[in-house]
Amino acid sequence: MANIITGVRILCSIALLFSQALSPAFYSLYLAAGFTDMIDGTVARKTNTVSEFGSKFDTIADFVFVVVCLIKLIPIMDIPTWLYIWIGIIALIKGINVFFGFVVQKKFVAVHTVMNKVTGVLLFALPLTLSVIDFKYSAIFVCSVATFAAVQEGHVIRTRKVSENIFSISSYANGWSPWRQIFGKFTK
């Protein structure tokens, strides 16, 4: 079931390609894709179907969603050169992280840190705020958080340290939850 939900995100992403950027149809598909991203992992955990394939499929779906959004949004946005450079640096750090994941752990590593999740939420909210907040100010905030998250992810990959603030597919499979960490016995 969770993988079907993830697949719906890919379908919504593809449908976004055929909608006008920032139109009601675009926002509807955008929100639907975001909703699937929020619930697929929860469904996998609740149905005890967490898998390595599901984790990788989720990463692929996220990548497709991001690429489609970039294809639709970049042409309509006035993005300064310094921001392209900053985004490139973040992408370089993430690429280095993937490389070191192979070197250190001998496999594809998808580290889902709290800061990576925060970055994802901020990136998701960004197009929803374009009419309210000047893009340059939002971009500075989001890129600052994304830079920190990428550096933290690299540290986790290279040191293999998983703390209470960091969670991965294996810790979720073993029943770990950030909400259980925070609220203790009140959650199951």
Protein backbone atom coordinates (compact mmCIF):
# COMPACT_ATOMS: atom_id res chain seq x y z
CA MET A 1 0.00 0.00 0.00
CA ALA A 2 2.79 2.45 0.90
CA ASN A 3 4.55 1.86 -2.41
CA ILE A 4 1.28 2.57 -4.24
CA ILE A 5 1.04 5.88 -2.39
CA THR A 6 4.63 6.63 -3.39
CA GLY A 7 3.74 5.75 -6.98
CA VAL A 8 0.86 8.25 -6.85
CA ARG A 9 3.45 10.93 -6.03
CA ILE A 10 5.29 10.09 -9.25
CA LEU A 11 2.02 10.25 -11.21
CA CYS A 12 1.13 13.62 -9.64
CA SER A 13 4.62 14.85 -10.49
CA ILE A 14 4.25 13.84 -14.11
CA ALA A 15 0.80 15.49 -14.25
CA LEU A 16 2.42 18.69 -12.91
CA LEU A 17 4.40 18.87 -16.14
CA PHE A 18 1.14 19.45 -18.01
CA SER A 19 -0.28 22.13 -15.71
CA GLN A 20 0.44 25.84 -15.75
CA ALA A 21 2.85 26.83 -12.96
CA LEU A 22 1.15 28.35 -9.91
CA SER A 23 -2.33 27.70 -11.31
CA PRO A 24 -5.07 26.07 -9.18
CA ALA A 25 -4.42 22.76 -10.98
CA PHE A 26 -0.69 23.07 -10.25
CA TYR A 27 -1.31 23.74 -6.55
CA SER A 28 -3.81 20.86 -6.31
CA LEU A 29 -1.36 18.38 -7.80
CA TYR A 30 1.49 19.88 -5.80
CA LEU A 31 -0.38 19.49 -2.52
CA ALA A 32 -1.50 15.96 -3.44
CA ALA A 33 2.09 14.95 -4.18
CA GLY A 34 3.22 16.50 -0.90
CA PHE A 35 0.50 14.68 1.01
CA THR A 36 1.62 11.33 -0.42
CA ASP A 37 5.16 12.12 0.71
CA MET A 38 3.92 12.75 4.24
CA ILE A 39 1.87 9.57 4.56
CA ASP A 40 3.71 6.84 2.61
CA GLY A 41 6.27 6.22 5.36
CA THR A 42 3.63 6.28 8.08
CA VAL A 43 1.52 3.76 6.15
CA ALA A 44 4.59 1.53 5.67
CA ARG A 45 5.32 1.58 9.39
CA LYS A 46 1.68 1.04 10.44
CA THR A 47 1.25 -1.87 8.01
CA ASN A 48 4.66 -3.33 8.89
CA THR A 49 5.77 -3.11 5.25
CA VAL A 50 8.90 -0.96 5.67
CA SER A 51 11.47 -2.13 3.15
CA GLU A 52 14.72 -1.13 1.53
CA PHE A 53 12.88 -1.01 -1.81
CA GLY A 54 10.25 1.33 -0.34
CA SER A 55 12.95 3.63 1.00
CA LYS A 56 14.69 3.78 -2.37
CA PHE A 57 11.37 4.15 -4.23
CA ASP A 58 10.49 7.06 -1.92
CA THR A 59 13.84 8.69 -2.70
CA ILE A 60 13.23 8.24 -6.45
CA ALA A 61 9.71 9.70 -6.13
CA ASP A 62 11.10 12.65 -4.19
CA PHE A 63 13.72 13.20 -6.89
CA VAL A 64 11.11 13.10 -9.69
CA PHE A 65 8.89 15.52 -7.77
CA VAL A 66 11.75 17.96 -7.17
CA VAL A 67 12.97 17.82 -10.78
CA VAL A 68 9.46 18.43 -12.15
CA CYS A 69 8.94 21.33 -9.74
CA LEU A 70 12.25 22.83 -10.83
CA ILE A 71 11.29 22.44 -14.49
CA LYS A 72 8.02 24.26 -13.83
CA LEU A 73 9.18 26.94 -11.39
CA ILE A 74 12.66 28.01 -12.50
CA PRO A 75 11.45 29.60 -15.76
CA ILE A 76 8.95 31.83 -13.93
CA MET A 77 11.24 32.90 -11.09
CA ASP A 78 13.89 35.60 -10.96
CA ILE A 79 16.72 33.64 -9.36
CA PRO A 80 19.93 35.56 -8.68
CA THR A 81 23.29 34.07 -9.65
CA TRP A 82 24.48 33.82 -6.04
CA LEU A 83 21.52 31.55 -5.29
CA TYR A 84 22.36 29.22 -8.20
CA ILE A 85 25.90 28.99 -6.81
CA TRP A 86 24.64 28.24 -3.28
CA ILE A 87 22.27 25.56 -4.56
CA GLY A 88 25.14 24.09 -6.58
CA ILE A 89 27.28 23.90 -3.45
CA ILE A 90 24.49 22.11 -1.58
CA ALA A 91 24.11 19.67 -4.50
CA LEU A 92 27.89 19.10 -4.48
CA ILE A 93 27.83 18.33 -0.74
CA LYS A 94 24.92 15.92 -1.26
CA GLY A 95 26.81 14.25 -4.14
CA ILE A 96 29.89 13.86 -1.95
CA ASN A 97 27.64 12.32 0.71
CA VAL A 98 26.36 9.74 -1.78
CA PHE A 99 29.94 8.95 -2.82
CA PHE A 100 31.10 8.53 0.79
CA GLY A 101 28.04 6.42 1.55
CA PHE A 102 29.28 3.95 -1.06
CA VAL A 103 32.87 4.16 0.18
CA VAL A 104 32.16 3.91 3.92
CA GLN A 105 29.11 1.64 4.00
CA LYS A 106 29.48 -0.17 0.65
CA LYS A 107 25.86 0.59 -0.32
CA PHE A 108 23.48 3.37 -1.29
CA VAL A 109 22.79 5.31 1.89
CA ALA A 110 19.64 7.36 2.42
CA VAL A 111 20.02 9.13 5.75
CA HIS A 112 16.77 10.68 6.91
CA THR A 113 17.91 13.17 9.53
CA VAL A 114 15.54 15.53 11.29
CA MET A 115 17.26 18.42 9.50
CA ASN A 116 16.78 16.74 6.12
CA LYS A 117 13.07 16.45 6.96
CA VAL A 118 12.96 20.12 8.01
CA THR A 119 14.65 21.06 4.75
CA GLY A 120 12.08 19.05 2.84
CA VAL A 121 9.20 20.79 4.60
CA LEU A 122 10.72 24.22 3.93
CA LEU A 123 11.33 23.39 0.27
CA PHE A 124 7.77 22.13 -0.03
CA ALA A 125 6.36 25.29 1.55
CA LEU A 126 8.48 27.62 -0.59
CA PRO A 127 6.22 27.70 -3.69
CA LEU A 128 3.21 28.19 -1.42
CA THR A 129 4.75 31.38 -0.02
CA LEU A 130 5.84 33.05 -3.28
CA SER A 131 2.97 35.54 -3.23
CA VAL A 132 3.54 36.46 0.43
CA ILE A 133 7.30 36.49 1.12
CA ASP A 134 10.03 37.87 -1.15
CA PHE A 135 11.66 34.82 -2.73
CA LYS A 136 15.22 36.00 -2.01
CA TYR A 137 14.60 36.11 1.75
CA SER A 138 12.88 32.73 1.76
CA ALA A 139 15.72 31.27 -0.31
CA ILE A 140 18.37 32.47 2.15
CA PHE A 141 16.57 30.78 5.03
CA VAL A 142 15.89 27.54 3.15
CA CYS A 143 19.45 27.33 1.76
CA SER A 144 20.92 27.92 5.22
CA VAL A 145 18.93 25.03 6.65
CA ALA A 146 19.66 22.84 3.60
CA THR A 147 23.40 23.52 3.88
CA PHE A 148 23.41 22.55 7.55
CA ALA A 149 21.36 19.41 6.79
CA ALA A 150 23.72 18.34 3.99
CA VAL A 151 26.82 18.81 6.16
CA GLN A 152 25.15 16.95 9.05
CA GLU A 153 24.17 14.12 6.70
CA GLY A 154 27.78 13.82 5.54
CA HIS A 155 28.97 13.66 9.14
CA VAL A 156 26.48 10.90 9.93
CA ILE A 157 27.49 8.89 6.86
CA ARG A 158 31.24 9.19 7.48
CA THR A 159 31.10 8.51 11.24
CA ARG A 160 28.19 6.04 11.15
CA LYS A 161 26.80 7.80 14.22
CA VAL A 162 23.06 7.67 14.74
CA SER A 163 21.81 9.71 17.68
CA GLU A 164 18.36 10.55 19.04
CA ASN A 165 18.11 13.44 16.60
CA ILE A 166 18.79 11.26 13.58
CA PHE A 167 16.60 8.52 12.25
CA SER A 168 16.98 6.08 9.40
CA ILE A 169 14.94 3.39 7.68
CA SER A 170 16.44 0.75 9.99
CA SER A 171 15.53 2.63 13.17
CA TYR A 172 11.95 3.07 11.93
CA ALA A 173 11.78 -0.63 11.09
CA ASN A 174 12.78 -1.35 14.69
CA GLY A 175 9.93 0.79 16.01
CA TRP A 176 11.78 4.05 16.65
CA SER A 177 9.69 7.20 16.28
CA PRO A 178 10.62 10.83 16.87
CA TRP A 179 7.22 11.32 18.50
CA ARG A 180 7.88 8.39 20.84
CA GLN A 181 11.23 10.01 21.73
CA ILE A 182 9.45 13.25 22.58
CA PHE A 183 6.28 11.98 24.24
CA GLY A 184 7.53 8.63 25.56
CA LYS A 185 4.92 6.17 26.72
CA PHE A 186 1.99 8.22 25.42
CA THR A 187 2.58 7.13 21.81
CA LYS A 188 2.63 3.70 20.22
